[in-house]
């Protein structure tokens, strides 16, 4: 199902894809929140360095993940088809 375009999927397949991507979004959000917590802790302890740069790099990678773009496309398509 990953290789198919979202517009080619049936309504049922779109809803299944939305369920999978919703769990991805929640997990991604929790990880980003945890990493932001590490950055805030690092700022409070006045230790700017490797401990702070590693989480910032991972946050950047998670935000620019191609799966995030797929989530946005899926939400738009679900709204257009009145499935949500």
PDB file of N, CA and C in Angstrom:
ATOM      1  N   UNK A   1       0.813  -1.184   0.000  1.00  0.00           N
ATOM      2  CA  UNK A   1       0.000   0.000   0.000  1.00  0.00           C
ATOM      3  C   UNK A   1       0.866   1.261   0.000  1.00  0.00           C
ATOM      4  N   UNK A   2       2.105   1.152   0.458  1.00  0.00           N
ATOM      5  CA  UNK A   2       2.997   2.295   0.513  1.00  0.00           C
ATOM      6  C   UNK A   2       3.334   2.843  -0.875  1.00  0.00           C
ATOM      7  N   UNK A   3       3.349   1.964  -1.883  1.00  0.00           N
ATOM      8  CA  UNK A   3       3.755   2.377  -3.214  1.00  0.00           C
ATOM      9  C   UNK A   3       2.638   3.071  -3.978  1.00  0.00           C
ATOM     10  N   UNK A   4       1.404   2.879  -3.566  1.00  0.00           N
ATOM     11  CA  UNK A   4       0.270   3.473  -4.249  1.00  0.00           C
ATOM     12  C   UNK A   4       0.150   4.955  -3.912  1.00  0.00           C
ATOM     13  N   UNK A   5      -0.338   5.719  -4.861  1.00  0.00           N
ATOM     14  CA  UNK A   5      -0.670   7.103  -4.600  1.00  0.00           C
ATOM     15  C   UNK A   5      -1.909   7.151  -3.727  1.00  0.00           C
ATOM     16  N   UNK A   6      -1.999   8.139  -2.897  1.00  0.00           N
ATOM     17  CA  UNK A   6      -3.140   8.234  -1.996  1.00  0.00           C
ATOM     18  C   UNK A   6      -4.444   8.436  -2.756  1.00  0.00           C
ATOM     19  N   UNK A   7      -4.398   9.144  -3.859  1.00  0.00           N
ATOM     20  CA  UNK A   7      -5.619   9.406  -4.618  1.00  0.00           C
ATOM     21  C   UNK A   7      -6.159   8.144  -5.281  1.00  0.00           C
ATOM     22  N   UNK A   8      -5.329   7.107  -5.436  1.00  0.00           N
ATOM     23  CA  UNK A   8      -5.754   5.861  -6.059  1.00  0.00           C
ATOM     24  C   UNK A   8      -6.395   4.895  -5.068  1.00  0.00           C
ATOM     25  N   UNK A   9      -6.296   5.181  -3.779  1.00  0.00           N
ATOM     26  CA  UNK A   9      -6.818   4.274  -2.759  1.00  0.00           C
ATOM     27  C   UNK A   9      -8.332   4.404  -2.628  1.00  0.00           C
ATOM     28  N   UNK A  10      -8.959   3.304  -2.242  1.00  0.00           N
ATOM     29  CA  UNK A  10     -10.393   3.328  -1.975  1.00  0.00           C
ATOM     30  C   UNK A  10     -10.629   4.005  -0.621  1.00  0.00           C
ATOM     31  N   UNK A  11     -11.885   4.260  -0.313  1.00  0.00           N
ATOM     32  CA  UNK A  11     -12.219   4.912   0.949  1.00  0.00           C
ATOM     33  C   UNK A  11     -11.775   4.063   2.142  1.00  0.00           C
ATOM     34  N   UNK A  12     -12.013   2.769   2.078  1.00  0.00           N
ATOM     35  CA  UNK A  12     -11.637   1.876   3.174  1.00  0.00           C
ATOM     36  C   UNK A  12     -10.114   1.844   3.353  1.00  0.00           C
ATOM     37  N   UNK A  13      -9.380   1.787   2.257  1.00  0.00           N
ATOM     38  CA  UNK A  13      -7.916   1.781   2.335  1.00  0.00           C
ATOM     39  C   UNK A  13      -7.402   3.100   2.896  1.00  0.00           C
ATOM     40  N   UNK A  14      -8.067   4.204   2.541  1.00  0.00           N
ATOM     41  CA  UNK A  14      -7.667   5.502   3.080  1.00  0.00           C
ATOM     42  C   UNK A  14      -7.856   5.553   4.594  1.00  0.00           C
ATOM     43  N   UNK A  15      -8.953   5.006   5.071  1.00  0.00           N
ATOM     44  CA  UNK A  15      -9.204   5.003   6.507  1.00  0.00           C
ATOM     45  C   UNK A  15      -8.185   4.132   7.252  1.00  0.00           C
ATOM     46  N   UNK A  16      -7.793   3.005   6.650  1.00  0.00           N
ATOM     47  CA  UNK A  16      -6.764   2.151   7.255  1.00  0.00           C
ATOM     48  C   UNK A  16      -5.419   2.872   7.278  1.00  0.00           C
ATOM     49  N   UNK A  17      -5.109   3.548   6.193  1.00  0.00           N
ATOM     50  CA  UNK A  17      -3.855   4.307   6.122  1.00  0.00           C
ATOM     51  C   UNK A  17      -3.861   5.433   7.155  1.00  0.00           C
ATOM     52  N   UNK A  18      -4.999   6.070   7.335  1.00  0.00           N
ATOM     53  CA  UNK A  18      -5.116   7.149   8.320  1.00  0.00           C
ATOM     54  C   UNK A  18      -4.870   6.613   9.725  1.00  0.00           C
ATOM     55  N   UNK A  19      -5.362   5.415  10.016  1.00  0.00           N
ATOM     56  CA  UNK A  19      -5.164   4.811  11.343  1.00  0.00           C
ATOM     57  C   UNK A  19      -3.676   4.551  11.590  1.00  0.00           C
ATOM     58  N   UNK A  20      -2.983   4.023  10.580  1.00  0.00           N
ATOM     59  CA  UNK A  20      -1.545   3.748  10.726  1.00  0.00           C
ATOM     60  C   UNK A  20      -0.765   5.043  10.914  1.00  0.00           C
ATOM     61  N   UNK A  21      -1.085   6.048  10.105  1.00  0.00           N
ATOM     62  CA  UNK A  21      -0.335   7.290  10.175  1.00  0.00           C
ATOM     63  C   UNK A  21      -0.667   8.087  11.433  1.00  0.00           C
ATOM     64  N   UNK A  22      -1.846   7.887  12.001  1.00  0.00           N
ATOM     65  CA  UNK A  22      -2.202   8.573  13.241  1.00  0.00           C
ATOM     66  C   UNK A  22      -1.316   8.072  14.379  1.00  0.00           C
ATOM     67  N   UNK A  23      -1.089   6.773  14.440  1.00  0.00           N
ATOM     68  CA  UNK A  23      -0.220   6.240  15.491  1.00  0.00           C
ATOM     69  C   UNK A  23       1.217   6.713  15.274  1.00  0.00           C
ATOM     70  N   UNK A  24       1.633   6.847  14.017  1.00  0.00           N
ATOM     71  CA  UNK A  24       2.956   7.386  13.714  1.00  0.00           C
ATOM     72  C   UNK A  24       3.072   8.819  14.213  1.00  0.00           C
ATOM     73  N   UNK A  25       2.026   9.608  13.992  1.00  0.00           N
ATOM     74  CA  UNK A  25       2.051  11.009  14.403  1.00  0.00           C
ATOM     75  C   UNK A  25       2.134  11.152  15.920  1.00  0.00           C
ATOM     76  N   UNK A  26       1.407  10.323  16.631  1.00  0.00           N
ATOM     77  CA  UNK A  26       1.432  10.378  18.098  1.00  0.00           C
ATOM     78  C   UNK A  26       2.815  10.003  18.613  1.00  0.00           C
ATOM     79  N   UNK A  27       3.365   8.940  18.091  1.00  0.00           N
ATOM     80  CA  UNK A  27       4.702   8.506  18.508  1.00  0.00           C
ATOM     81  C   UNK A  27       5.742   9.571  18.182  1.00  0.00           C
ATOM     82  N   UNK A  28       5.640  10.131  16.995  1.00  0.00           N
ATOM     83  CA  UNK A  28       6.574  11.175  16.575  1.00  0.00           C
ATOM     84  C   UNK A  28       6.448  12.392  17.489  1.00  0.00           C
ATOM     85  N   UNK A  29       5.238  12.770  17.840  1.00  0.00           N
ATOM     86  CA  UNK A  29       5.026  13.900  18.731  1.00  0.00           C
ATOM     87  C   UNK A  29       5.604  13.671  20.117  1.00  0.00           C
ATOM     88  N   UNK A  30       5.427  12.459  20.640  1.00  0.00           N
ATOM     89  CA  UNK A  30       5.990  12.142  21.951  1.00  0.00           C
ATOM     90  C   UNK A  30       7.518  12.199  21.931  1.00  0.00           C
ATOM     91  N   UNK A  31       8.120  11.673  20.882  1.00  0.00           N
ATOM     92  CA  UNK A  31       9.585  11.708  20.785  1.00  0.00           C
ATOM     93  C   UNK A  31      10.104  13.136  20.657  1.00  0.00           C
ATOM     94  N   UNK A  32       9.421  13.944  19.866  1.00  0.00           N
ATOM     95  CA  UNK A  32       9.836  15.343  19.719  1.00  0.00           C
ATOM     96  C   UNK A  32       9.701  16.063  21.056  1.00  0.00           C
ATOM     97  N   UNK A  33       8.620  15.815  21.782  1.00  0.00           N
ATOM     98  CA  UNK A  33       8.446  16.425  23.103  1.00  0.00           C
ATOM     99  C   UNK A  33       9.538  16.014  24.078  1.00  0.00           C
ATOM    100  N   UNK A  34       9.899  14.737  24.058  1.00  0.00           N
ATOM    101  CA  UNK A  34      10.973  14.253  24.917  1.00  0.00           C
ATOM    102  C   UNK A  34      12.297  14.936  24.567  1.00  0.00           C
ATOM    103  N   UNK A  35      12.576  15.053  23.287  1.00  0.00           N
ATOM    104  CA  UNK A  35      13.832  15.692  22.868  1.00  0.00           C
ATOM    105  C   UNK A  35      13.844  17.179  23.195  1.00  0.00           C
ATOM    106  N   UNK A  36      12.697  17.839  23.095  1.00  0.00           N
ATOM    107  CA  UNK A  36      12.622  19.253  23.478  1.00  0.00           C
ATOM    108  C   UNK A  36      12.866  19.381  24.981  1.00  0.00           C
ATOM    109  N   UNK A  37      12.376  18.420  25.748  1.00  0.00           N
ATOM    110  CA  UNK A  37      12.651  18.408  27.185  1.00  0.00           C
ATOM    111  C   UNK A  37      14.137  18.310  27.482  1.00  0.00           C
ATOM    112  N   UNK A  38      14.843  17.505  26.705  1.00  0.00           N
ATOM    113  CA  UNK A  38      16.298  17.392  26.880  1.00  0.00           C
ATOM    114  C   UNK A  38      16.973  18.721  26.569  1.00  0.00           C
ATOM    115  N   UNK A  39      16.510  19.391  25.522  1.00  0.00           N
ATOM    116  CA  UNK A  39      17.095  20.685  25.150  1.00  0.00           C
ATOM    117  C   UNK A  39      16.832  21.714  26.240  1.00  0.00           C
ATOM    118  N   UNK A  40      15.612  21.754  26.774  1.00  0.00           N
ATOM    119  CA  UNK A  40      15.282  22.708  27.841  1.00  0.00           C
ATOM    120  C   UNK A  40      16.117  22.418  29.078  1.00  0.00           C
ATOM    121  N   UNK A  41      16.251  21.156  29.435  1.00  0.00           N
ATOM    122  CA  UNK A  41      17.086  20.792  30.575  1.00  0.00           C
ATOM    123  C   UNK A  41      18.527  21.255  30.352  1.00  0.00           C
ATOM    124  N   UNK A  42      19.001  21.105  29.130  1.00  0.00           N
ATOM    125  CA  UNK A  42      20.355  21.506  28.795  1.00  0.00           C
ATOM    126  C   UNK A  42      20.526  23.022  28.927  1.00  0.00           C
ATOM    127  N   UNK A  43      19.506  23.767  28.529  1.00  0.00           N
ATOM    128  CA  UNK A  43      19.572  25.232  28.642  1.00  0.00           C
ATOM    129  C   UNK A  43      19.557  25.642  30.114  1.00  0.00           C
ATOM    130  N   UNK A  44      18.718  24.992  30.912  1.00  0.00           N
ATOM    131  CA  UNK A  44      18.614  25.338  32.330  1.00  0.00           C
ATOM    132  C   UNK A  44      19.928  25.053  33.056  1.00  0.00           C
ATOM    133  N   UNK A  45      20.571  23.965  32.696  1.00  0.00           N
ATOM    134  CA  UNK A  45      21.831  23.598  33.350  1.00  0.00           C
ATOM    135  C   UNK A  45      23.035  24.325  32.746  1.00  0.00           C
ATOM    136  N   UNK A  46      22.791  25.227  31.793  1.00  0.00           N
ATOM    137  CA  UNK A  46      23.846  26.016  31.151  1.00  0.00           C
ATOM    138  C   UNK A  46      24.919  25.147  30.515  1.00  0.00           C
ATOM    139  N   UNK A  47      24.490  24.086  29.885  1.00  0.00           N
ATOM    140  CA  UNK A  47      25.465  23.205  29.241  1.00  0.00           C
ATOM    141  C   UNK A  47      25.174  23.122  27.742  1.00  0.00           C
ATOM    142  N   UNK A  48      25.518  24.172  27.033  1.00  0.00           N
ATOM    143  CA  UNK A  48      25.354  24.169  25.588  1.00  0.00           C
ATOM    144  C   UNK A  48      26.488  23.340  25.000  1.00  0.00           C
ATOM    145  N   UNK A  49      26.127  22.330  24.247  1.00  0.00           N
ATOM    146  CA  UNK A  49      27.163  21.490  23.676  1.00  0.00           C
ATOM    147  C   UNK A  49      26.550  20.305  22.974  1.00  0.00           C
ATOM    148  N   UNK A  50      27.260  19.211  23.004  1.00  0.00           N
ATOM    149  CA  UNK A  50      26.834  18.013  22.303  1.00  0.00           C
ATOM    150  C   UNK A  50      25.506  17.491  22.828  1.00  0.00           C
ATOM    151  N   UNK A  51      25.287  17.615  24.126  1.00  0.00           N
ATOM    152  CA  UNK A  51      24.032  17.157  24.715  1.00  0.00           C
ATOM    153  C   UNK A  51      22.835  17.916  24.138  1.00  0.00           C
ATOM    154  N   UNK A  52      23.068  19.132  23.687  1.00  0.00           N
ATOM    155  CA  UNK A  52      21.991  19.943  23.142  1.00  0.00           C
ATOM    156  C   UNK A  52      21.884  19.800  21.622  1.00  0.00           C
ATOM    157  N   UNK A  53      22.975  19.604  20.955  1.00  0.00           N
ATOM    158  CA  UNK A  53      22.960  19.559  19.494  1.00  0.00           C
ATOM    159  C   UNK A  53      22.389  18.259  18.935  1.00  0.00           C
ATOM    160  N   UNK A  54      22.613  17.162  19.617  1.00  0.00           N
ATOM    161  CA  UNK A  54      22.102  15.872  19.144  1.00  0.00           C
ATOM    162  C   UNK A  54      20.566  15.855  19.119  1.00  0.00           C
ATOM    163  N   UNK A  55      19.892  16.262  20.198  1.00  0.00           N
ATOM    164  CA  UNK A  55      18.424  16.287  20.132  1.00  0.00           C
ATOM    165  C   UNK A  55      17.891  17.261  19.082  1.00  0.00           C
ATOM    166  N   UNK A  56      18.555  18.400  18.910  1.00  0.00           N
ATOM    167  CA  UNK A  56      18.107  19.352  17.892  1.00  0.00           C
ATOM    168  C   UNK A  56      18.199  18.746  16.495  1.00  0.00           C
ATOM    169  N   UNK A  57      19.246  17.983  16.246  1.00  0.00           N
ATOM    170  CA  UNK A  57      19.386  17.320  14.955  1.00  0.00           C
ATOM    171  C   UNK A  57      18.262  16.307  14.734  1.00  0.00           C
ATOM    172  N   UNK A  58      17.968  15.508  15.762  1.00  0.00           N
ATOM    173  CA  UNK A  58      16.908  14.503  15.628  1.00  0.00           C
ATOM    174  C   UNK A  58      15.526  15.144  15.483  1.00  0.00           C
ATOM    175  N   UNK A  59      15.289  16.257  16.171  1.00  0.00           N
ATOM    176  CA  UNK A  59      14.019  16.977  16.011  1.00  0.00           C
ATOM    177  C   UNK A  59      13.875  17.446  14.575  1.00  0.00           C
ATOM    178  N   UNK A  60      14.936  18.001  14.020  1.00  0.00           N
ATOM    179  CA  UNK A  60      14.914  18.464  12.638  1.00  0.00           C
ATOM    180  C   UNK A  60      14.599  17.311  11.682  1.00  0.00           C
ATOM    181  N   UNK A  61      15.233  16.169  11.894  1.00  0.00           N
ATOM    182  CA  UNK A  61      15.005  15.012  11.029  1.00  0.00           C
ATOM    183  C   UNK A  61      13.573  14.500  11.138  1.00  0.00           C
ATOM    184  N   UNK A  62      13.006  14.500  12.347  1.00  0.00           N
ATOM    185  CA  UNK A  62      11.637  14.015  12.524  1.00  0.00           C
ATOM    186  C   UNK A  62      10.622  14.950  11.885  1.00  0.00           C
ATOM    187  N   UNK A  63      10.872  16.236  11.964  1.00  0.00           N
ATOM    188  CA  UNK A  63       9.932  17.197  11.382  1.00  0.00           C
ATOM    189  C   UNK A  63       9.965  17.132   9.863  1.00  0.00           C
ATOM    190  N   UNK A  64      11.125  16.913   9.285  1.00  0.00           N
ATOM    191  CA  UNK A  64      11.258  16.874   7.827  1.00  0.00           C
ATOM    192  C   UNK A  64      11.123  15.473   7.251  1.00  0.00           C
ATOM    193  N   UNK A  65      10.550  14.557   7.997  1.00  0.00           N
ATOM    194  CA  UNK A  65      10.347  13.189   7.548  1.00  0.00           C
ATOM    195  C   UNK A  65       9.316  13.157   6.413  1.00  0.00           C
ATOM    196  N   UNK A  66       9.580  12.426   5.339  1.00  0.00           N
ATOM    197  CA  UNK A  66       8.607  12.355   4.239  1.00  0.00           C
ATOM    198  C   UNK A  66       7.249  11.795   4.666  1.00  0.00           C
ATOM    199  N   UNK A  67       7.229  11.000   5.729  1.00  0.00           N
ATOM    200  CA  UNK A  67       5.962  10.450   6.206  1.00  0.00           C
ATOM    201  C   UNK A  67       5.049  11.563   6.733  1.00  0.00           C
ATOM    202  N   UNK A  68       5.643  12.645   7.262  1.00  0.00           N
ATOM    203  CA  UNK A  68       4.841  13.775   7.729  1.00  0.00           C
ATOM    204  C   UNK A  68       4.118  14.437   6.571  1.00  0.00           C
ATOM    205  N   UNK A  69       4.766  14.526   5.430  1.00  0.00           N
ATOM    206  CA  UNK A  69       4.115  15.095   4.248  1.00  0.00           C
ATOM    207  C   UNK A  69       2.974  14.199   3.784  1.00  0.00           C
ATOM    208  N   UNK A  70       3.151  12.899   3.905  1.00  0.00           N
ATOM    209  CA  UNK A  70       2.100  11.948   3.542  1.00  0.00           C
ATOM    210  C   UNK A  70       0.893  12.089   4.467  1.00  0.00           C
ATOM    211  N   UNK A  71       1.139  12.373   5.731  1.00  0.00           N
ATOM    212  CA  UNK A  71       0.047  12.577   6.687  1.00  0.00           C
ATOM    213  C   UNK A  71      -0.780  13.789   6.271  1.00  0.00           C
ATOM    214  N   UNK A  72      -0.118  14.867   5.886  1.00  0.00           N
ATOM    215  CA  UNK A  72      -0.832  16.080   5.478  1.00  0.00           C
ATOM    216  C   UNK A  72      -1.632  15.841   4.202  1.00  0.00           C
ATOM    217  N   UNK A  73      -1.050  15.110   3.250  1.00  0.00           N
ATOM    218  CA  UNK A  73      -1.775  14.787   2.023  1.00  0.00           C
ATOM    219  C   UNK A  73      -3.001  13.931   2.329  1.00  0.00           C
ATOM    220  N   UNK A  74      -2.831  12.978   3.236  1.00  0.00           N
ATOM    221  CA  UNK A  74      -3.927  12.090   3.603  1.00  0.00           C
ATOM    222  C   UNK A  74      -5.062  12.864   4.270  1.00  0.00           C
ATOM    223  N   UNK A  75      -4.716  13.792   5.164  1.00  0.00           N
ATOM    224  CA  UNK A  75      -5.740  14.598   5.827  1.00  0.00           C
ATOM    225  C   UNK A  75      -6.528  15.420   4.817  1.00  0.00           C
ATOM    226  N   UNK A  76      -5.840  15.991   3.836  1.00  0.00           N
ATOM    227  CA  UNK A  76      -6.511  16.769   2.799  1.00  0.00           C
ATOM    228  C   UNK A  76      -7.438  15.891   1.985  1.00  0.00           C
ATOM    229  N   UNK A  77      -6.983  14.720   1.608  1.00  0.00           N
ATOM    230  CA  UNK A  77      -7.795  13.804   0.808  1.00  0.00           C
ATOM    231  C   UNK A  77      -9.005  13.299   1.589  1.00  0.00           C
ATOM    232  N   UNK A  78      -8.834  13.004   2.870  1.00  0.00           N
ATOM    233  CA  UNK A  78      -9.958  12.570   3.699  1.00  0.00           C
ATOM    234  C   UNK A  78     -10.997  13.685   3.825  1.00  0.00           C
ATOM    235  N   UNK A  79     -10.523  14.912   3.950  1.00  0.00           N
ATOM    236  CA  UNK A  79     -11.447  16.040   4.049  1.00  0.00           C
ATOM    237  C   UNK A  79     -12.206  16.242   2.741  1.00  0.00           C
ATOM    238  N   UNK A  80     -11.507  16.084   1.620  1.00  0.00           N
ATOM    239  CA  UNK A  80     -12.155  16.228   0.303  1.00  0.00           C
ATOM    240  C   UNK A  80     -13.219  15.165   0.082  1.00  0.00           C
ATOM    241  N   UNK A  81     -12.969  13.953   0.574  1.00  0.00           N
ATOM    242  CA  UNK A  81     -13.919  12.850   0.393  1.00  0.00           C
ATOM    243  C   UNK A  81     -14.943  12.761   1.525  1.00  0.00           C
ATOM    244  N   UNK A  82     -14.871  13.673   2.481  1.00  0.00           N
ATOM    245  CA  UNK A  82     -15.770  13.698   3.638  1.00  0.00           C
ATOM    246  C   UNK A  82     -15.774  12.372   4.399  1.00  0.00           C
ATOM    247  N   UNK A  83     -14.583  11.877   4.697  1.00  0.00           N
ATOM    248  CA  UNK A  83     -14.466  10.594   5.395  1.00  0.00           C
ATOM    249  C   UNK A  83     -14.172  10.761   6.867  1.00  0.00           C
ATOM    250  N   UNK A  84     -13.684  11.874   7.302  1.00  0.00           N
ATOM    251  CA  UNK A  84     -13.315  12.033   8.700  1.00  0.00           C
ATOM    252  C   UNK A  84     -14.470  12.381   9.552  1.00  0.00           C
TER     253      UNK A  84
END
